[in-house]
Amino acid sequence: MHRPNCNTTDHRRTIRSLYINFIDYEKVFDSVDRRTLWKLLRQYGVPEKIVNIIRNSHDGLQCKVVHGGQLTDAFQVRTGVKQGCLPSPFLFLLVVDWIMRTSTSEGKHGIQWTAQNQLYDLDFADDLALLSHTHEQMQIKTASVAAVSASVGLSIHKGKTKVLKFRAENSNPVILDGEILEDVESFTYMGSIIDEQGGSDADVNARIGKARVAFLQLKKIWNSKQLSTNMKVRIFNTNVKAVLLYGAETWRTTTTTIKKVQVFINSCLLKILNIHWPDTISNSLLWERTNQLPAEEEIRKGRWKWIGHRSFKFILLLHI
């Protein structure tokens, strides 16, 4: 059913609740069970020769620690992957991939992504976000992920794991091993603030704050008489505007949002050009002199570029 004058976010708010569980593991890189890891490598098709090489690099690994100002005797480390070792991120991602595939293999407990597909989780290294439409689904999924994680030596940190709810009718908490997981009104995931309102205001305000700090830290650059305006603008684009527009591709943009971003950019550009009140300059001339696009156009171009990139990757995956 189509409802006029409503965007996709409005439809989501009206029709669907959304539960997000931000999983935090305890001592994540130090806890992976190695015997299980070698089995998973073989299961994923890694040649036995490579498995043996990786295993041999971990066997007999010893460590020493400083305690009370003294270096202890060496002791063997039998779990975890070697931090700082090139294969370690790959090994850990393989474990996480297996955990998520195994824990979501039975039943549809994700959110509807397309007509045929569901999105079960968002994963970036050990930053996991479980997604479900109902409290019951999230409870089942959380317990399943915890159980499968435990089978490879990983334990969920119940004090740091947070649950965020959008338009949730069920106010009951998500429980893990008898402990209540904390409900939060907002959460910072991958540098972006997600809140229970589903908007972008909190994230936009945070990005402006971080960009302002970055701009002030480069005060000597903006006041320099040796650097050309062109060089200052290039530094602004890479060191300030990049901070400001991080994640802008997914912002829910409104007139107010665009105005906030544009006002900040204009104020920075005026300082770079050393134009101070009561002197004035039109926006079009300001952008022309600094080779800038309006914020709305720049965000829109970035969004389409991101959509194209994601669509291309999805097409590639369909042919693998």
Protein backbone atom coordinates (compact mmCIF):
# COMPACT_ATOMS: atom_id res chain seq x y z
CA MET A 1 0.00 0.00 0.00
CA HIS A 2 1.37 3.43 -0.96
CA ARG A 3 0.76 6.42 1.26
CA PRO A 4 1.34 9.78 -0.48
CA ASN A 5 3.67 12.42 1.00
CA CYS A 6 5.56 9.77 3.01
CA ASN A 7 9.16 8.76 2.44
CA THR A 8 10.65 5.32 3.09
CA THR A 9 11.62 6.28 6.63
CA ASP A 10 8.01 7.23 7.41
CA HIS A 11 6.82 3.88 6.06
CA ARG A 12 9.38 2.07 8.18
CA ARG A 13 8.28 3.93 11.29
CA THR A 14 4.63 3.14 10.68
CA ILE A 15 4.90 -0.49 9.63
CA ARG A 16 8.01 -1.94 11.26
CA SER A 17 9.75 -1.90 14.58
CA LEU A 18 13.51 -2.27 14.53
CA TYR A 19 15.80 -3.77 17.17
CA ILE A 20 19.58 -3.40 16.96
CA ASN A 21 21.91 -5.26 19.31
CA PHE A 22 25.46 -3.88 19.28
CA ILE A 23 27.60 -6.87 20.28
CA ASP A 24 30.84 -6.40 22.20
CA TYR A 25 33.19 -9.36 22.71
CA GLU A 26 35.57 -9.80 25.64
CA LYS A 27 39.31 -10.00 24.78
CA VAL A 28 38.31 -10.83 21.26
CA PHE A 29 41.66 -11.48 19.53
CA ASP A 30 43.06 -13.38 22.52
CA SER A 31 40.18 -15.81 22.97
CA VAL A 32 39.67 -17.63 19.66
CA ASP A 33 40.03 -21.40 20.07
CA ARG A 34 42.82 -22.42 17.71
CA ARG A 35 41.77 -26.03 17.18
CA THR A 36 38.39 -24.82 15.98
CA LEU A 37 40.11 -22.18 13.83
CA TRP A 38 42.17 -24.80 11.95
CA LYS A 39 38.97 -26.79 11.29
CA LEU A 40 37.22 -23.68 9.97
CA LEU A 41 40.11 -22.91 7.62
CA ARG A 42 39.75 -26.36 6.08
CA GLN A 43 35.96 -26.00 5.98
CA TYR A 44 36.33 -22.74 4.03
CA GLY A 45 38.57 -24.48 1.49
CA VAL A 46 41.99 -23.22 2.58
CA PRO A 47 44.63 -25.72 1.31
CA GLU A 48 46.08 -28.03 3.97
CA LYS A 49 49.58 -26.73 3.27
CA ILE A 50 48.52 -23.16 4.10
CA VAL A 51 46.64 -24.34 7.20
CA ASN A 52 49.79 -26.08 8.44
CA ILE A 53 51.91 -22.98 7.83
CA ILE A 54 49.50 -20.79 9.82
CA ARG A 55 49.19 -23.39 12.57
CA ASN A 56 52.97 -23.78 12.87
CA SER A 57 53.34 -20.00 13.24
CA HIS A 58 51.04 -20.16 16.28
CA ASP A 59 52.28 -23.38 17.90
CA GLY A 60 54.68 -22.87 20.78
CA LEU A 61 53.93 -19.15 20.99
CA GLN A 62 55.24 -17.72 24.27
CA CYS A 63 54.80 -14.40 26.04
CA LYS A 64 56.26 -12.47 28.94
CA VAL A 65 54.59 -9.68 30.89
CA VAL A 66 55.84 -6.95 33.17
CA HIS A 67 54.37 -7.28 36.68
CA GLY A 68 55.42 -5.07 39.55
CA GLY A 69 58.24 -3.71 37.45
CA GLN A 70 59.63 -7.20 36.84
CA LEU A 71 59.53 -9.33 33.69
CA THR A 72 57.89 -12.70 34.34
CA ASP A 73 59.05 -16.05 33.04
CA ALA A 74 57.83 -17.06 29.60
CA PHE A 75 54.51 -18.86 29.39
CA GLN A 76 52.71 -20.53 26.52
CA VAL A 77 49.72 -18.90 24.81
CA ARG A 78 47.31 -21.53 23.51
CA THR A 79 44.35 -19.38 22.41
CA GLY A 80 43.82 -16.38 20.17
CA VAL A 81 45.49 -15.10 17.04
CA LYS A 82 48.80 -13.24 16.88
CA GLN A 83 48.09 -9.52 17.10
CA GLY A 84 50.10 -7.54 14.56
CA CYS A 85 50.51 -10.59 12.32
CA LEU A 86 49.28 -10.04 8.74
CA PRO A 87 46.98 -13.11 8.54
CA SER A 88 45.33 -12.38 11.92
CA PRO A 89 42.57 -10.02 10.66
CA PHE A 90 41.66 -12.55 7.96
CA LEU A 91 41.56 -15.37 10.51
CA PHE A 92 39.32 -13.41 12.85
CA LEU A 93 36.96 -12.30 10.06
CA LEU A 94 36.63 -15.93 9.00
CA VAL A 95 35.60 -16.85 12.55
CA VAL A 96 33.05 -14.00 12.69
CA ASP A 97 31.65 -14.97 9.29
CA TRP A 98 31.17 -18.56 10.46
CA ILE A 99 29.51 -17.38 13.69
CA MET A 100 27.00 -15.22 11.84
CA ARG A 101 26.29 -17.80 9.12
CA THR A 102 25.75 -20.55 11.68
CA SER A 103 23.66 -18.53 14.12
CA THR A 104 21.31 -17.18 11.42
CA SER A 105 20.99 -20.36 9.35
CA GLU A 106 17.66 -21.40 10.90
CA GLY A 107 14.61 -19.16 10.60
CA LYS A 108 14.25 -15.62 9.28
CA HIS A 109 15.18 -13.30 12.12
CA GLY A 110 16.61 -10.36 10.16
CA ILE A 111 14.97 -7.27 8.65
CA GLN A 112 13.38 -7.21 5.22
CA TRP A 113 16.01 -5.80 2.85
CA THR A 114 14.50 -6.63 -0.54
CA ALA A 115 11.41 -8.56 -1.58
CA GLN A 116 13.38 -11.82 -1.40
CA ASN A 117 16.25 -11.10 0.98
CA GLN A 118 16.73 -10.26 4.64
CA LEU A 119 19.59 -8.38 6.30
CA TYR A 120 20.59 -10.18 9.49
CA ASP A 121 23.51 -8.13 10.78
CA LEU A 122 26.13 -5.47 10.11
CA ASP A 123 29.72 -6.62 10.63
CA PHE A 124 33.03 -4.77 10.56
CA ALA A 125 35.79 -6.77 12.25
CA ASP A 126 34.47 -7.28 15.81
CA ASP A 127 31.92 -4.44 15.58
CA LEU A 128 28.73 -6.44 15.15
CA ALA A 129 25.16 -5.16 15.01
CA LEU A 130 22.34 -7.71 15.05
CA LEU A 131 19.11 -6.63 13.33
CA SER A 132 15.53 -7.84 13.92
CA HIS A 133 11.97 -6.59 13.63
CA THR A 134 10.67 -8.02 16.92
CA HIS A 135 11.81 -8.52 20.49
CA GLU A 136 11.29 -12.27 20.21
CA GLN A 137 13.47 -12.48 17.10
CA MET A 138 16.22 -10.43 18.75
CA GLN A 139 16.10 -12.55 21.90
CA ILE A 140 16.46 -15.75 19.86
CA LYS A 141 19.21 -14.31 17.66
CA THR A 142 21.22 -12.94 20.60
CA ALA A 143 21.13 -16.28 22.40
CA SER A 144 22.09 -18.10 19.20
CA VAL A 145 25.04 -15.79 18.46
CA ALA A 146 26.25 -16.12 22.06
CA ALA A 147 26.10 -19.93 21.94
CA VAL A 148 27.90 -20.22 18.60
CA SER A 149 30.48 -17.64 19.71
CA ALA A 150 31.18 -19.65 22.86
CA SER A 151 31.88 -22.74 20.72
CA VAL A 152 34.89 -20.93 19.22
CA GLY A 153 36.05 -19.42 22.50
CA LEU A 154 34.45 -15.98 22.23
CA SER A 155 32.38 -14.48 25.06
CA ILE A 156 29.96 -11.57 24.71
CA HIS A 157 30.66 -8.72 27.17
CA LYS A 158 27.22 -8.19 28.68
CA GLY A 159 28.12 -4.86 30.28
CA LYS A 160 29.25 -3.31 26.99
CA THR A 161 26.65 -4.86 24.69
CA LYS A 162 23.82 -2.36 24.06
CA VAL A 163 20.35 -2.61 22.53
CA LEU A 164 18.71 0.19 20.55
CA LYS A 165 14.99 0.10 19.68
CA PHE A 166 13.09 2.02 16.99
CA ARG A 167 9.33 2.27 17.38
CA ALA A 168 9.34 -0.84 19.55
CA GLU A 169 5.99 -1.92 20.96
CA ASN A 170 7.63 -4.43 23.31
CA SER A 171 9.54 -2.71 26.13
CA ASN A 172 10.89 -5.96 27.59
CA PRO A 173 14.70 -6.11 27.77
CA VAL A 174 16.87 -8.53 25.84
CA ILE A 175 18.37 -11.03 28.29
CA LEU A 176 21.59 -13.01 27.92
CA ASP A 177 22.55 -15.72 30.42
CA GLY A 178 20.17 -14.24 32.98
CA GLU A 179 21.58 -10.72 32.65
CA ILE A 180 19.68 -7.78 31.17
CA LEU A 181 21.36 -6.06 28.23
CA GLU A 182 21.13 -2.29 28.57
CA ASP A 183 18.71 -0.35 26.35
CA VAL A 184 20.20 2.91 25.05
CA GLU A 185 18.70 5.93 23.31
CA SER A 186 21.69 6.38 20.99
CA PHE A 187 24.85 4.52 20.02
CA THR A 188 27.97 5.42 18.06
CA TYR A 189 28.59 2.71 15.46
CA MET A 190 31.51 3.01 13.04
CA GLY A 191 31.87 6.70 13.85
CA SER A 192 28.21 7.56 13.22
CA ILE A 193 25.58 8.24 15.87
CA ILE A 194 22.41 6.15 15.60
CA ASP A 195 19.49 7.18 17.80
CA GLU A 196 16.06 5.82 18.61
CA GLN A 197 14.35 8.50 16.51
CA GLY A 198 15.95 7.17 13.33
CA GLY A 199 17.06 10.63 12.21
CA SER A 200 20.46 12.15 11.54
CA ASP A 201 20.38 15.30 13.69
CA ALA A 202 22.59 13.91 16.46
CA ASP A 203 25.12 12.56 13.96
CA VAL A 204 25.20 15.81 11.96
CA ASN A 205 25.75 17.88 15.12
CA ALA A 206 28.55 15.54 16.19
CA ARG A 207 30.22 15.74 12.76
CA ILE A 208 30.06 19.56 12.85
CA GLY A 209 31.62 19.51 16.32
CA LYS A 210 34.48 17.26 15.19
CA ALA A 211 35.04 19.29 12.03
CA ARG A 212 35.15 22.50 14.10
CA VAL A 213 37.87 21.00 16.31
CA ALA A 214 39.82 19.95 13.20
CA PHE A 215 39.49 23.47 11.75
CA LEU A 216 40.67 25.18 14.95
CA GLN A 217 43.67 22.86 15.20
CA LEU A 218 44.85 24.19 11.82
CA LYS A 219 44.54 27.86 12.78
CA LYS A 220 48.18 28.54 11.89
CA ILE A 221 47.53 27.20 8.39
CA TRP A 222 44.58 29.52 7.81
CA ASN A 223 46.52 32.54 9.12
CA SER A 224 49.68 31.75 7.15
CA LYS A 225 50.79 34.36 4.63
CA GLN A 226 53.14 31.91 2.92
CA LEU A 227 50.44 29.47 1.79
CA SER A 228 48.22 30.27 -1.18
CA THR A 229 44.44 30.29 -0.90
CA ASN A 230 44.31 27.30 -3.23
CA MET A 231 46.57 25.29 -0.91
CA LYS A 232 44.54 26.29 2.15
CA VAL A 233 41.32 25.18 0.45
CA ARG A 234 42.88 21.84 -0.47
CA ILE A 235 43.91 21.34 3.16
CA PHE A 236 40.39 22.33 4.26
CA ASN A 237 38.83 19.78 1.90
CA THR A 238 41.02 16.89 3.08
CA ASN A 239 41.34 17.69 6.80
CA VAL A 240 38.08 19.42 7.72
CA LYS A 241 35.37 18.80 5.16
CA ALA A 242 36.21 15.09 5.00
CA VAL A 243 35.60 14.93 8.76
CA LEU A 244 32.37 16.91 8.41
CA LEU A 245 30.86 14.77 5.65
CA TYR A 246 31.94 11.36 6.97
CA GLY A 247 28.90 9.10 6.62
CA ALA A 248 26.85 11.82 4.90
CA GLU A 249 25.82 9.30 2.23
CA THR A 250 23.41 7.76 4.74
CA TRP A 251 22.14 10.94 6.38
CA ARG A 252 18.43 11.63 6.38
CA THR A 253 18.84 15.11 4.96
CA THR A 254 16.37 17.89 5.68
CA THR A 255 16.42 21.61 4.94
CA THR A 256 17.62 22.21 8.51
CA THR A 257 20.41 19.65 8.17
CA ILE A 258 21.67 21.12 4.89
CA LYS A 259 21.54 24.64 6.33
CA LYS A 260 23.60 23.64 9.39
CA VAL A 261 26.27 22.01 7.24
CA GLN A 262 26.36 24.88 4.75
CA VAL A 263 26.61 27.56 7.45
CA PHE A 264 29.60 25.79 8.98
CA ILE A 265 31.36 25.36 5.62
CA ASN A 266 30.74 28.99 4.67
CA SER A 267 32.07 30.27 8.01
CA CYS A 268 35.28 28.27 7.52
CA LEU A 269 35.74 29.48 3.95
CA LEU A 270 35.24 33.11 4.98
CA LYS A 271 38.00 32.75 7.59
CA ILE A 272 40.30 31.13 5.02
CA LEU A 273 39.69 34.08 2.68
CA ASN A 274 40.15 36.47 5.62
CA ILE A 275 36.73 38.04 5.09
CA HIS A 276 35.28 39.36 8.35
CA TRP A 277 32.13 41.26 9.26
CA PRO A 278 31.02 43.88 8.18
CA ASP A 279 32.58 42.79 4.86
CA THR A 280 30.29 40.43 2.95
CA ILE A 281 30.39 38.19 -0.10
CA SER A 282 27.64 36.27 -1.88
CA ASN A 283 27.52 32.51 -1.50
CA SER A 284 27.95 31.97 -5.23
CA LEU A 285 31.09 34.11 -5.32
CA LEU A 286 32.43 32.48 -2.15
CA TRP A 287 32.02 29.00 -3.65
CA GLU A 288 33.49 30.14 -6.96
CA ARG A 289 36.62 31.57 -5.30
CA THR A 290 37.14 28.40 -3.25
CA ASN A 291 36.04 25.94 -5.96
CA GLN A 292 33.25 24.48 -3.79
CA LEU A 293 29.93 22.87 -4.58
CA PRO A 294 26.86 23.69 -2.46
CA ALA A 295 26.67 21.25 0.46
CA GLU A 296 23.37 19.78 -0.76
CA GLU A 297 24.81 19.00 -4.19
CA GLU A 298 28.01 17.54 -2.72
CA ILE A 299 26.08 15.24 -0.37
CA ARG A 300 23.79 14.17 -3.21
CA LYS A 301 26.73 13.36 -5.50
CA GLY A 302 28.44 11.42 -2.73
CA ARG A 303 25.25 9.48 -2.08
CA TRP A 304 24.82 8.44 -5.71
CA LYS A 305 28.49 7.50 -5.93
CA TRP A 306 28.09 5.33 -2.81
CA ILE A 307 24.89 3.72 -4.14
CA GLY A 308 26.61 2.95 -7.44
CA HIS A 309 29.59 1.44 -5.64
CA ARG A 310 27.39 -0.76 -3.44
CA SER A 311 25.23 -1.84 -6.40
CA PHE A 312 28.30 -2.79 -8.42
CA LYS A 313 29.65 -4.89 -5.54
CA PHE A 314 26.25 -6.58 -5.16
CA ILE A 315 26.20 -7.46 -8.89
CA LEU A 316 29.70 -8.93 -8.59
CA LEU A 317 28.61 -11.06 -5.62
CA LEU A 318 25.69 -12.43 -7.63
CA HIS A 319 28.15 -13.76 -10.23
CA ILE A 320 30.63 -15.33 -7.79
